[in-house]
């Protein structure tokens, strides 16, 4: 069971990296187009989606992910 959890952790890490890279690329495209890098309505939708899936802790996770995408 421990090895299964470790494998899942690695998968989560890989997905977070992919998400962060995609968010940063999108922000760069938006800046190039003369738009704000962040679209707050979309970020709020992300937070609502994570909250719906995992409760208050999910909202915190969604916030962390969106913040990483901005760096």
N, C-alpha and C. Protein backbone atom coordinates (compact mmCIF):
# COMPACT_ATOMS: atom_id res chain seq x y z
N UNK A 1 0.82 -1.19 0.00
CA UNK A 1 0.00 0.00 0.00
C UNK A 1 0.87 1.26 0.00
N UNK A 2 1.97 1.24 0.74
CA UNK A 2 2.85 2.41 0.80
C UNK A 2 3.38 2.76 -0.59
N UNK A 3 3.76 1.75 -1.35
CA UNK A 3 4.29 2.03 -2.69
C UNK A 3 3.21 2.64 -3.58
N UNK A 4 1.97 2.24 -3.39
CA UNK A 4 0.85 2.82 -4.15
C UNK A 4 0.70 4.30 -3.82
N UNK A 5 0.79 4.64 -2.55
CA UNK A 5 0.68 6.04 -2.13
C UNK A 5 1.84 6.85 -2.69
N UNK A 6 3.05 6.29 -2.64
CA UNK A 6 4.20 6.99 -3.19
C UNK A 6 4.04 7.23 -4.69
N UNK A 7 3.53 6.24 -5.40
CA UNK A 7 3.30 6.40 -6.84
C UNK A 7 2.25 7.48 -7.11
N UNK A 8 1.21 7.49 -6.30
CA UNK A 8 0.19 8.53 -6.45
C UNK A 8 0.76 9.91 -6.15
N UNK A 9 1.60 10.01 -5.12
CA UNK A 9 2.24 11.29 -4.81
C UNK A 9 3.07 11.77 -5.99
N UNK A 10 3.82 10.88 -6.61
CA UNK A 10 4.63 11.26 -7.77
C UNK A 10 3.74 11.74 -8.92
N UNK A 11 2.62 11.07 -9.11
CA UNK A 11 1.69 11.48 -10.16
C UNK A 11 1.12 12.87 -9.87
N UNK A 12 0.78 13.12 -8.61
CA UNK A 12 0.26 14.44 -8.23
C UNK A 12 1.32 15.50 -8.47
N UNK A 13 2.55 15.23 -8.08
CA UNK A 13 3.65 16.17 -8.28
C UNK A 13 3.81 16.49 -9.77
N UNK A 14 3.79 15.46 -10.60
CA UNK A 14 3.91 15.67 -12.05
C UNK A 14 2.76 16.52 -12.58
N UNK A 15 1.55 16.25 -12.13
CA UNK A 15 0.39 17.01 -12.59
C UNK A 15 0.44 18.46 -12.12
N UNK A 16 0.90 18.69 -10.90
CA UNK A 16 1.03 20.06 -10.41
C UNK A 16 2.05 20.82 -11.24
N UNK A 17 3.15 20.17 -11.57
CA UNK A 17 4.16 20.82 -12.43
C UNK A 17 3.57 21.15 -13.79
N UNK A 18 2.85 20.22 -14.38
CA UNK A 18 2.22 20.47 -15.69
C UNK A 18 1.22 21.62 -15.60
N UNK A 19 0.43 21.64 -14.54
CA UNK A 19 -0.56 22.70 -14.38
C UNK A 19 0.12 24.05 -14.21
N UNK A 20 1.16 24.08 -13.40
CA UNK A 20 1.89 25.32 -13.16
C UNK A 20 2.50 25.84 -14.45
N UNK A 21 3.14 24.96 -15.21
CA UNK A 21 3.73 25.36 -16.49
C UNK A 21 2.67 25.90 -17.45
N UNK A 22 1.52 25.22 -17.52
CA UNK A 22 0.45 25.65 -18.42
C UNK A 22 -0.10 27.01 -17.99
N UNK A 23 -0.28 27.21 -16.70
CA UNK A 23 -0.80 28.49 -16.20
C UNK A 23 0.17 29.62 -16.49
N UNK A 24 1.45 29.36 -16.32
CA UNK A 24 2.46 30.39 -16.61
C UNK A 24 2.50 30.72 -18.09
N UNK A 25 2.38 29.70 -18.93
CA UNK A 25 2.36 29.93 -20.38
C UNK A 25 1.13 30.74 -20.78
N UNK A 26 0.00 30.42 -20.20
CA UNK A 26 -1.22 31.18 -20.49
C UNK A 26 -1.08 32.63 -20.05
N UNK A 27 -0.52 32.86 -18.88
CA UNK A 27 -0.31 34.23 -18.40
C UNK A 27 0.60 35.00 -19.34
N UNK A 28 1.65 34.35 -19.84
CA UNK A 28 2.56 35.00 -20.78
C UNK A 28 1.83 35.35 -22.08
N UNK A 29 1.00 34.44 -22.57
CA UNK A 29 0.22 34.71 -23.79
C UNK A 29 -0.72 35.89 -23.57
N UNK A 30 -1.35 35.92 -22.42
CA UNK A 30 -2.28 37.02 -22.13
C UNK A 30 -1.53 38.35 -22.06
N UNK A 31 -0.35 38.36 -21.44
CA UNK A 31 0.44 39.60 -21.37
C UNK A 31 0.85 40.04 -22.77
N UNK A 32 1.28 39.09 -23.60
CA UNK A 32 1.69 39.41 -24.97
C UNK A 32 0.53 40.02 -25.75
N UNK A 33 -0.68 39.56 -25.47
CA UNK A 33 -1.87 40.07 -26.15
C UNK A 33 -2.37 41.39 -25.55
N UNK A 34 -1.64 41.89 -24.54
CA UNK A 34 -2.03 43.14 -23.91
C UNK A 34 -3.14 42.99 -22.88
N UNK A 35 -3.37 41.78 -22.45
CA UNK A 35 -4.40 41.51 -21.45
C UNK A 35 -3.77 41.31 -20.08
N UNK A 36 -4.55 41.45 -19.02
CA UNK A 36 -4.01 41.14 -17.70
C UNK A 36 -3.59 39.66 -17.64
N UNK A 37 -2.51 39.39 -16.95
CA UNK A 37 -2.01 38.02 -16.86
C UNK A 37 -3.00 37.11 -16.13
N UNK A 38 -3.75 37.69 -15.21
CA UNK A 38 -4.66 36.91 -14.38
C UNK A 38 -6.10 37.27 -14.74
N UNK A 39 -6.93 36.26 -14.89
CA UNK A 39 -8.36 36.46 -15.10
C UNK A 39 -9.06 36.00 -13.82
N UNK A 40 -9.41 36.97 -12.99
CA UNK A 40 -9.93 36.65 -11.66
C UNK A 40 -11.19 35.80 -11.68
N UNK A 41 -12.05 36.00 -12.65
CA UNK A 41 -13.27 35.20 -12.72
C UNK A 41 -12.93 33.72 -12.90
N UNK A 42 -11.93 33.44 -13.73
CA UNK A 42 -11.51 32.04 -13.92
C UNK A 42 -10.88 31.48 -12.65
N UNK A 43 -10.04 32.29 -12.00
CA UNK A 43 -9.42 31.82 -10.77
C UNK A 43 -10.47 31.54 -9.70
N UNK A 44 -11.48 32.39 -9.62
CA UNK A 44 -12.56 32.15 -8.67
C UNK A 44 -13.31 30.87 -9.00
N UNK A 45 -13.48 30.59 -10.28
CA UNK A 45 -14.13 29.34 -10.69
C UNK A 45 -13.30 28.13 -10.27
N UNK A 46 -11.98 28.26 -10.37
CA UNK A 46 -11.08 27.18 -9.92
C UNK A 46 -11.27 26.94 -8.43
N UNK A 47 -11.29 28.02 -7.67
CA UNK A 47 -11.46 27.89 -6.21
C UNK A 47 -12.80 27.24 -5.87
N UNK A 48 -13.85 27.63 -6.58
CA UNK A 48 -15.16 27.01 -6.33
C UNK A 48 -15.15 25.52 -6.67
N UNK A 49 -14.47 25.17 -7.77
CA UNK A 49 -14.40 23.76 -8.18
C UNK A 49 -13.67 22.93 -7.14
N UNK A 50 -12.54 23.43 -6.64
CA UNK A 50 -11.79 22.69 -5.62
C UNK A 50 -12.57 22.64 -4.30
N UNK A 51 -13.25 23.72 -3.97
CA UNK A 51 -14.06 23.73 -2.75
C UNK A 51 -15.19 22.71 -2.86
N UNK A 52 -15.83 22.65 -4.01
CA UNK A 52 -16.92 21.69 -4.21
C UNK A 52 -16.42 20.25 -4.09
N UNK A 53 -15.21 20.02 -4.56
CA UNK A 53 -14.66 18.66 -4.54
C UNK A 53 -14.14 18.25 -3.17
N UNK A 54 -13.53 19.21 -2.43
CA UNK A 54 -12.81 18.84 -1.21
C UNK A 54 -13.16 19.67 0.02
N UNK A 55 -14.10 20.58 -0.09
CA UNK A 55 -14.43 21.43 1.05
C UNK A 55 -13.44 22.57 1.22
N UNK A 56 -13.38 23.09 2.44
CA UNK A 56 -12.55 24.26 2.71
C UNK A 56 -11.08 24.00 2.38
N UNK A 57 -10.60 22.82 2.70
CA UNK A 57 -9.22 22.48 2.37
C UNK A 57 -8.98 22.48 0.87
N UNK A 58 -10.00 22.13 0.11
CA UNK A 58 -9.90 22.15 -1.34
C UNK A 58 -9.74 23.56 -1.87
N UNK A 59 -10.46 24.50 -1.26
CA UNK A 59 -10.31 25.90 -1.67
C UNK A 59 -8.89 26.37 -1.40
N UNK A 60 -8.32 25.96 -0.28
CA UNK A 60 -6.93 26.33 0.03
C UNK A 60 -5.98 25.72 -0.99
N UNK A 61 -6.23 24.48 -1.37
CA UNK A 61 -5.41 23.83 -2.39
C UNK A 61 -5.53 24.56 -3.72
N UNK A 62 -6.74 24.91 -4.11
CA UNK A 62 -6.94 25.65 -5.35
C UNK A 62 -6.23 26.98 -5.34
N UNK A 63 -6.27 27.67 -4.20
CA UNK A 63 -5.58 28.95 -4.07
C UNK A 63 -4.08 28.77 -4.22
N UNK A 64 -3.54 27.75 -3.60
CA UNK A 64 -2.11 27.48 -3.72
C UNK A 64 -1.73 27.21 -5.17
N UNK A 65 -2.51 26.41 -5.85
CA UNK A 65 -2.22 26.10 -7.25
C UNK A 65 -2.28 27.34 -8.13
N UNK A 66 -3.28 28.19 -7.91
CA UNK A 66 -3.36 29.40 -8.74
C UNK A 66 -2.22 30.36 -8.42
N UNK A 67 -1.81 30.43 -7.17
CA UNK A 67 -0.68 31.29 -6.81
C UNK A 67 0.60 30.79 -7.48
N UNK A 68 0.83 29.49 -7.49
CA UNK A 68 2.03 28.95 -8.13
C UNK A 68 2.03 29.25 -9.62
N UNK A 69 0.86 29.26 -10.22
CA UNK A 69 0.77 29.57 -11.65
C UNK A 69 1.11 31.00 -11.97
N UNK A 70 1.09 31.87 -10.98
CA UNK A 70 1.41 33.29 -11.19
C UNK A 70 2.89 33.59 -11.04
N UNK A 71 3.63 32.72 -10.42
CA UNK A 71 5.04 33.02 -10.12
C UNK A 71 5.92 32.83 -11.32
